[in-house]
């Protein structure tokens, strides 16, 4: 599975924020959890797009929504 990974700079551009603000949102759990690639912090593009489409819920609620969606997909 090939996932596109986004940098904080790219997310900042998408959200019209500064890169620093993206890291603040991450620290406070208000955006989806990133993945570490070597020493770099990246976010899955699919998660960011879904998060925006779901009206930007906090990380805890977003992850709950992902799990619920995953269960629905497996049940089908």
C-alpha atoms as a PDB file:
ATOM      1  CA  UNK A   1       0.000   0.000   0.000  1.00  0.00           C
ATOM      2  CA  UNK A   2       1.541   3.271  -1.107  1.00  0.00           C
ATOM      3  CA  UNK A   3       0.526   6.137   1.187  1.00  0.00           C
ATOM      4  CA  UNK A   4       1.340   9.736   0.426  1.00  0.00           C
ATOM      5  CA  UNK A   5       2.972  11.386   3.414  1.00  0.00           C
ATOM      6  CA  UNK A   6       2.712  15.107   4.081  1.00  0.00           C
ATOM      7  CA  UNK A   7       5.157  17.359   5.899  1.00  0.00           C
ATOM      8  CA  UNK A   8       4.155  19.945   8.487  1.00  0.00           C
ATOM      9  CA  UNK A   9       4.921  22.622   5.897  1.00  0.00           C
ATOM     10  CA  UNK A  10       2.463  21.073   3.434  1.00  0.00           C
ATOM     11  CA  UNK A  11      -0.244  20.722   6.082  1.00  0.00           C
ATOM     12  CA  UNK A  12       0.347  24.314   7.133  1.00  0.00           C
ATOM     13  CA  UNK A  13      -0.227  25.388   3.550  1.00  0.00           C
ATOM     14  CA  UNK A  14      -3.427  23.320   3.259  1.00  0.00           C
ATOM     15  CA  UNK A  15      -4.814  24.738   6.519  1.00  0.00           C
ATOM     16  CA  UNK A  16      -3.492  28.288   5.998  1.00  0.00           C
ATOM     17  CA  UNK A  17      -1.462  28.074   9.210  1.00  0.00           C
ATOM     18  CA  UNK A  18       2.183  28.345  10.108  1.00  0.00           C
ATOM     19  CA  UNK A  19       4.351  25.245  10.378  1.00  0.00           C
ATOM     20  CA  UNK A  20       4.799  26.025  14.070  1.00  0.00           C
ATOM     21  CA  UNK A  21       1.023  26.059  14.574  1.00  0.00           C
ATOM     22  CA  UNK A  22       0.767  22.600  12.975  1.00  0.00           C
ATOM     23  CA  UNK A  23       3.232  21.286  15.570  1.00  0.00           C
ATOM     24  CA  UNK A  24       1.257  23.015  18.329  1.00  0.00           C
ATOM     25  CA  UNK A  25      -1.947  21.358  17.118  1.00  0.00           C
ATOM     26  CA  UNK A  26      -0.114  18.036  17.071  1.00  0.00           C
ATOM     27  CA  UNK A  27       1.208  18.515  20.615  1.00  0.00           C
ATOM     28  CA  UNK A  28      -2.278  19.319  21.888  1.00  0.00           C
ATOM     29  CA  UNK A  29      -3.876  16.339  20.091  1.00  0.00           C
ATOM     30  CA  UNK A  30      -6.007  18.400  17.732  1.00  0.00           C
ATOM     31  CA  UNK A  31      -4.842  16.873  14.447  1.00  0.00           C
ATOM     32  CA  UNK A  32      -4.401  13.225  13.440  1.00  0.00           C
ATOM     33  CA  UNK A  33      -1.338  11.484  14.823  1.00  0.00           C
ATOM     34  CA  UNK A  34       1.750  11.649  12.618  1.00  0.00           C
ATOM     35  CA  UNK A  35       4.067   8.812  11.680  1.00  0.00           C
ATOM     36  CA  UNK A  36       7.843   8.925  12.056  1.00  0.00           C
ATOM     37  CA  UNK A  37       9.922   8.149   8.996  1.00  0.00           C
ATOM     38  CA  UNK A  38      13.518   8.045  10.123  1.00  0.00           C
ATOM     39  CA  UNK A  39      13.846  11.325  12.002  1.00  0.00           C
ATOM     40  CA  UNK A  40      11.063  13.040  10.038  1.00  0.00           C
ATOM     41  CA  UNK A  41       7.483  13.576  11.199  1.00  0.00           C
ATOM     42  CA  UNK A  42       4.891  13.068   8.467  1.00  0.00           C
ATOM     43  CA  UNK A  43       1.110  12.741   8.258  1.00  0.00           C
ATOM     44  CA  UNK A  44      -0.835  10.347   6.030  1.00  0.00           C
ATOM     45  CA  UNK A  45      -2.551  12.353   3.309  1.00  0.00           C
ATOM     46  CA  UNK A  46      -5.638  10.131   3.486  1.00  0.00           C
ATOM     47  CA  UNK A  47      -5.982  10.825   7.226  1.00  0.00           C
ATOM     48  CA  UNK A  48      -5.624  14.589   6.778  1.00  0.00           C
ATOM     49  CA  UNK A  49      -8.192  14.642   3.964  1.00  0.00           C
ATOM     50  CA  UNK A  50     -10.654  12.544   5.991  1.00  0.00           C
ATOM     51  CA  UNK A  51     -10.033  14.672   9.104  1.00  0.00           C
ATOM     52  CA  UNK A  52     -10.879  17.840   7.145  1.00  0.00           C
ATOM     53  CA  UNK A  53     -13.999  16.193   5.648  1.00  0.00           C
ATOM     54  CA  UNK A  54     -15.121  15.254   9.179  1.00  0.00           C
ATOM     55  CA  UNK A  55     -14.888  18.923  10.271  1.00  0.00           C
ATOM     56  CA  UNK A  56     -11.529  18.577  12.039  1.00  0.00           C
ATOM     57  CA  UNK A  57     -12.383  16.596  15.188  1.00  0.00           C
ATOM     58  CA  UNK A  58      -9.733  16.242  17.886  1.00  0.00           C
ATOM     59  CA  UNK A  59      -7.389  13.248  17.672  1.00  0.00           C
ATOM     60  CA  UNK A  60      -9.279  11.093  20.177  1.00  0.00           C
ATOM     61  CA  UNK A  61     -12.591  11.473  18.342  1.00  0.00           C
ATOM     62  CA  UNK A  62     -10.934  11.107  14.933  1.00  0.00           C
ATOM     63  CA  UNK A  63      -9.291   7.821  15.946  1.00  0.00           C
ATOM     64  CA  UNK A  64     -12.625   6.564  17.321  1.00  0.00           C
ATOM     65  CA  UNK A  65     -14.236   7.394  13.969  1.00  0.00           C
ATOM     66  CA  UNK A  66     -11.474   5.547  12.121  1.00  0.00           C
ATOM     67  CA  UNK A  67     -11.957   2.450  14.282  1.00  0.00           C
ATOM     68  CA  UNK A  68     -15.731   2.542  13.779  1.00  0.00           C
ATOM     69  CA  UNK A  69     -15.287   2.879  10.016  1.00  0.00           C
ATOM     70  CA  UNK A  70     -12.738   0.040  10.013  1.00  0.00           C
ATOM     71  CA  UNK A  71     -15.180  -2.233  11.874  1.00  0.00           C
ATOM     72  CA  UNK A  72     -17.931  -1.390   9.354  1.00  0.00           C
ATOM     73  CA  UNK A  73     -15.636  -2.227   6.446  1.00  0.00           C
ATOM     74  CA  UNK A  74     -14.592  -5.558   8.002  1.00  0.00           C
ATOM     75  CA  UNK A  75     -18.224  -6.473   8.784  1.00  0.00           C
ATOM     76  CA  UNK A  76     -19.312  -5.915   5.180  1.00  0.00           C
END
